[in-house]
Amino acid sequence: MKKLDFKQIYEKSLTEEQLLLEYVKHIPGHKNSKGEIAPWVIISHTTNKIISSHKTKEDAKKHLQQMHIFK
């Protein structure tokens, strides 16, 4: 039986669903595309760009959760 090193085990255990690809961040004064104040944003880890803007932290977290469910 072939023994796996830590890196091989780690890479084998990772799946796209387990990786955190987006996160919620507070940016005071940020406005959405409609010009409304929406300081809670979802940012992509891969591109570091804002994906969506929300008025409340709860709305942003809810949207992030929905994004992960439908991937």
N, C-alpha and C. Protein backbone atom coordinates (compact mmCIF):
# COMPACT_ATOMS: atom_id res chain seq x y z
N MET A 1 0.83 -1.18 0.00
CA MET A 1 0.00 0.00 0.00
C MET A 1 0.89 1.25 0.00
N LYS A 2 0.56 2.21 -0.90
CA LYS A 2 1.35 3.43 -1.04
C LYS A 2 0.96 4.42 0.06
N LYS A 3 1.97 4.98 0.71
CA LYS A 3 1.75 5.96 1.77
C LYS A 3 1.66 7.35 1.17
N LEU A 4 0.64 8.14 1.57
CA LEU A 4 0.47 9.51 1.08
C LEU A 4 1.10 10.48 2.07
N ASP A 5 1.75 11.53 1.54
CA ASP A 5 2.26 12.56 2.44
C ASP A 5 1.15 13.56 2.75
N PHE A 6 1.43 14.49 3.65
CA PHE A 6 0.40 15.43 4.11
C PHE A 6 -0.19 16.23 2.96
N LYS A 7 0.67 16.74 2.06
CA LYS A 7 0.19 17.55 0.94
C LYS A 7 -0.77 16.77 0.06
N GLN A 8 -0.44 15.52 -0.22
CA GLN A 8 -1.31 14.69 -1.05
C GLN A 8 -2.65 14.44 -0.37
N ILE A 9 -2.62 14.19 0.92
CA ILE A 9 -3.86 13.96 1.67
C ILE A 9 -4.71 15.22 1.68
N TYR A 10 -4.07 16.38 1.93
CA TYR A 10 -4.77 17.65 1.97
C TYR A 10 -5.41 17.96 0.62
N GLU A 11 -4.66 17.84 -0.45
CA GLU A 11 -5.19 18.14 -1.79
C GLU A 11 -6.31 17.18 -2.16
N LYS A 12 -6.18 15.93 -1.76
CA LYS A 12 -7.20 14.93 -2.05
C LYS A 12 -8.49 15.23 -1.30
N SER A 13 -8.37 15.77 -0.10
CA SER A 13 -9.56 16.03 0.73
C SER A 13 -10.30 17.30 0.33
N LEU A 14 -9.61 18.23 -0.36
CA LEU A 14 -10.25 19.47 -0.75
C LEU A 14 -11.17 19.27 -1.95
N THR A 15 -12.34 19.85 -1.85
CA THR A 15 -13.24 19.89 -3.00
C THR A 15 -13.67 21.33 -3.17
N GLU A 16 -14.21 21.69 -4.31
CA GLU A 16 -14.63 23.06 -4.56
C GLU A 16 -15.66 23.52 -3.53
N GLU A 17 -16.53 22.61 -3.08
CA GLU A 17 -17.56 22.98 -2.10
C GLU A 17 -16.96 23.35 -0.76
N GLN A 18 -15.79 22.81 -0.44
CA GLN A 18 -15.17 23.07 0.86
C GLN A 18 -14.39 24.39 0.88
N LEU A 19 -14.01 24.88 -0.28
CA LEU A 19 -13.23 26.11 -0.35
C LEU A 19 -14.12 27.33 -0.20
N LEU A 20 -13.66 28.30 0.56
CA LEU A 20 -14.39 29.55 0.70
C LEU A 20 -13.93 30.47 -0.43
N LEU A 21 -14.82 30.67 -1.41
CA LEU A 21 -14.44 31.46 -2.58
C LEU A 21 -14.94 32.89 -2.50
N GLU A 22 -15.86 33.18 -1.60
CA GLU A 22 -16.38 34.53 -1.42
C GLU A 22 -16.52 34.81 0.07
N TYR A 23 -16.55 36.09 0.42
CA TYR A 23 -16.74 36.46 1.82
C TYR A 23 -17.47 37.80 1.92
N VAL A 24 -18.05 38.06 3.10
CA VAL A 24 -18.79 39.30 3.36
C VAL A 24 -17.83 40.30 4.01
N LYS A 25 -17.91 41.56 3.55
CA LYS A 25 -17.06 42.62 4.10
C LYS A 25 -17.87 43.91 4.21
N HIS A 26 -17.58 44.70 5.23
CA HIS A 26 -18.25 45.99 5.43
C HIS A 26 -17.37 47.09 4.83
N ILE A 27 -17.96 47.84 3.88
CA ILE A 27 -17.26 48.97 3.26
C ILE A 27 -18.15 50.21 3.47
N PRO A 28 -17.87 51.01 4.51
CA PRO A 28 -18.68 52.18 4.80
C PRO A 28 -18.77 53.12 3.59
N GLY A 29 -19.97 53.59 3.28
CA GLY A 29 -20.18 54.53 2.19
C GLY A 29 -20.34 53.89 0.82
N HIS A 30 -20.19 52.56 0.73
CA HIS A 30 -20.33 51.90 -0.58
C HIS A 30 -21.77 52.01 -1.08
N LYS A 31 -21.94 52.23 -2.37
CA LYS A 31 -23.27 52.31 -2.98
C LYS A 31 -23.41 51.21 -4.02
N ASN A 32 -24.65 50.70 -4.15
CA ASN A 32 -24.91 49.68 -5.17
C ASN A 32 -25.10 50.34 -6.53
N SER A 33 -25.41 49.55 -7.54
CA SER A 33 -25.54 50.07 -8.91
C SER A 33 -26.71 51.04 -9.06
N LYS A 34 -27.65 51.01 -8.11
CA LYS A 34 -28.80 51.94 -8.14
C LYS A 34 -28.49 53.24 -7.42
N GLY A 35 -27.30 53.33 -6.83
CA GLY A 35 -26.91 54.53 -6.10
C GLY A 35 -27.34 54.53 -4.64
N GLU A 36 -27.88 53.42 -4.18
CA GLU A 36 -28.32 53.31 -2.78
C GLU A 36 -27.14 52.90 -1.90
N ILE A 37 -27.15 53.38 -0.66
CA ILE A 37 -26.11 52.99 0.29
C ILE A 37 -26.27 51.49 0.57
N ALA A 38 -25.20 50.75 0.32
CA ALA A 38 -25.20 49.29 0.54
C ALA A 38 -23.80 48.89 0.99
N PRO A 39 -23.49 49.14 2.28
CA PRO A 39 -22.13 48.95 2.76
C PRO A 39 -21.68 47.51 2.98
N TRP A 40 -22.59 46.55 2.94
CA TRP A 40 -22.23 45.15 3.14
C TRP A 40 -22.10 44.49 1.78
N VAL A 41 -20.90 44.04 1.45
CA VAL A 41 -20.64 43.49 0.12
C VAL A 41 -20.11 42.07 0.20
N ILE A 42 -20.31 41.35 -0.90
CA ILE A 42 -19.72 40.02 -1.04
C ILE A 42 -18.58 40.18 -2.02
N ILE A 43 -17.40 39.72 -1.60
CA ILE A 43 -16.19 39.88 -2.40
C ILE A 43 -15.66 38.49 -2.79
N SER A 44 -15.18 38.38 -4.02
CA SER A 44 -14.59 37.14 -4.51
C SER A 44 -13.15 37.02 -4.03
N HIS A 45 -12.80 35.86 -3.48
CA HIS A 45 -11.41 35.62 -3.09
C HIS A 45 -10.51 35.50 -4.32
N THR A 46 -11.04 34.98 -5.40
CA THR A 46 -10.22 34.75 -6.59
C THR A 46 -9.92 36.03 -7.36
N THR A 47 -10.91 36.94 -7.47
CA THR A 47 -10.70 38.17 -8.24
C THR A 47 -10.56 39.40 -7.36
N ASN A 48 -10.94 39.28 -6.08
CA ASN A 48 -10.93 40.39 -5.12
C ASN A 48 -11.86 41.52 -5.54
N LYS A 49 -12.89 41.20 -6.34
CA LYS A 49 -13.86 42.19 -6.78
C LYS A 49 -15.19 41.99 -6.06
N ILE A 50 -15.98 43.07 -5.98
CA ILE A 50 -17.29 43.00 -5.35
C ILE A 50 -18.25 42.26 -6.28
N ILE A 51 -18.92 41.27 -5.73
CA ILE A 51 -19.89 40.47 -6.50
C ILE A 51 -21.29 41.04 -6.32
N SER A 52 -21.61 41.43 -5.08
CA SER A 52 -22.93 42.01 -4.82
C SER A 52 -22.87 42.92 -3.60
N SER A 53 -23.84 43.84 -3.51
CA SER A 53 -23.90 44.82 -2.42
C SER A 53 -25.23 44.70 -1.70
N HIS A 54 -25.20 44.90 -0.37
CA HIS A 54 -26.42 44.74 0.43
C HIS A 54 -26.50 45.81 1.51
N LYS A 55 -27.71 46.12 1.91
CA LYS A 55 -27.93 47.16 2.92
C LYS A 55 -27.60 46.67 4.33
N THR A 56 -27.80 45.36 4.58
CA THR A 56 -27.53 44.83 5.92
C THR A 56 -26.58 43.63 5.84
N LYS A 57 -25.91 43.38 6.95
CA LYS A 57 -25.02 42.23 7.06
C LYS A 57 -25.79 40.94 6.89
N GLU A 58 -26.98 40.90 7.47
CA GLU A 58 -27.82 39.70 7.39
C GLU A 58 -28.20 39.38 5.95
N ASP A 59 -28.55 40.41 5.17
CA ASP A 59 -28.89 40.21 3.75
C ASP A 59 -27.68 39.68 2.97
N ALA A 60 -26.52 40.22 3.26
CA ALA A 60 -25.31 39.78 2.57
C ALA A 60 -24.99 38.32 2.90
N LYS A 61 -25.10 37.97 4.18
CA LYS A 61 -24.82 36.59 4.59
C LYS A 61 -25.84 35.62 3.99
N LYS A 62 -27.09 36.04 3.94
CA LYS A 62 -28.13 35.20 3.36
C LYS A 62 -27.86 34.97 1.87
N HIS A 63 -27.49 36.03 1.16
CA HIS A 63 -27.18 35.90 -0.26
C HIS A 63 -25.96 35.01 -0.48
N LEU A 64 -24.94 35.16 0.35
CA LEU A 64 -23.74 34.33 0.25
C LEU A 64 -24.08 32.86 0.45
N GLN A 65 -24.93 32.60 1.43
CA GLN A 65 -25.36 31.22 1.69
C GLN A 65 -26.11 30.66 0.47
N GLN A 66 -26.98 31.46 -0.12
CA GLN A 66 -27.72 31.01 -1.32
C GLN A 66 -26.76 30.75 -2.48
N MET A 67 -25.74 31.57 -2.61
CA MET A 67 -24.75 31.37 -3.68
C MET A 67 -24.05 30.02 -3.52
N HIS A 68 -23.73 29.66 -2.29
CA HIS A 68 -23.02 28.39 -2.03
C HIS A 68 -23.95 27.20 -2.23
N ILE A 69 -25.22 27.36 -1.94
CA ILE A 69 -26.19 26.26 -2.12
C ILE A 69 -26.35 25.93 -3.58
N PHE A 70 -26.39 26.94 -4.43
CA PHE A 70 -26.69 26.74 -5.85
C PHE A 70 -25.46 26.59 -6.74
N LYS A 71 -24.28 26.40 -6.16
CA LYS A 71 -23.06 26.18 -6.96
C LYS A 71 -23.07 24.79 -7.54
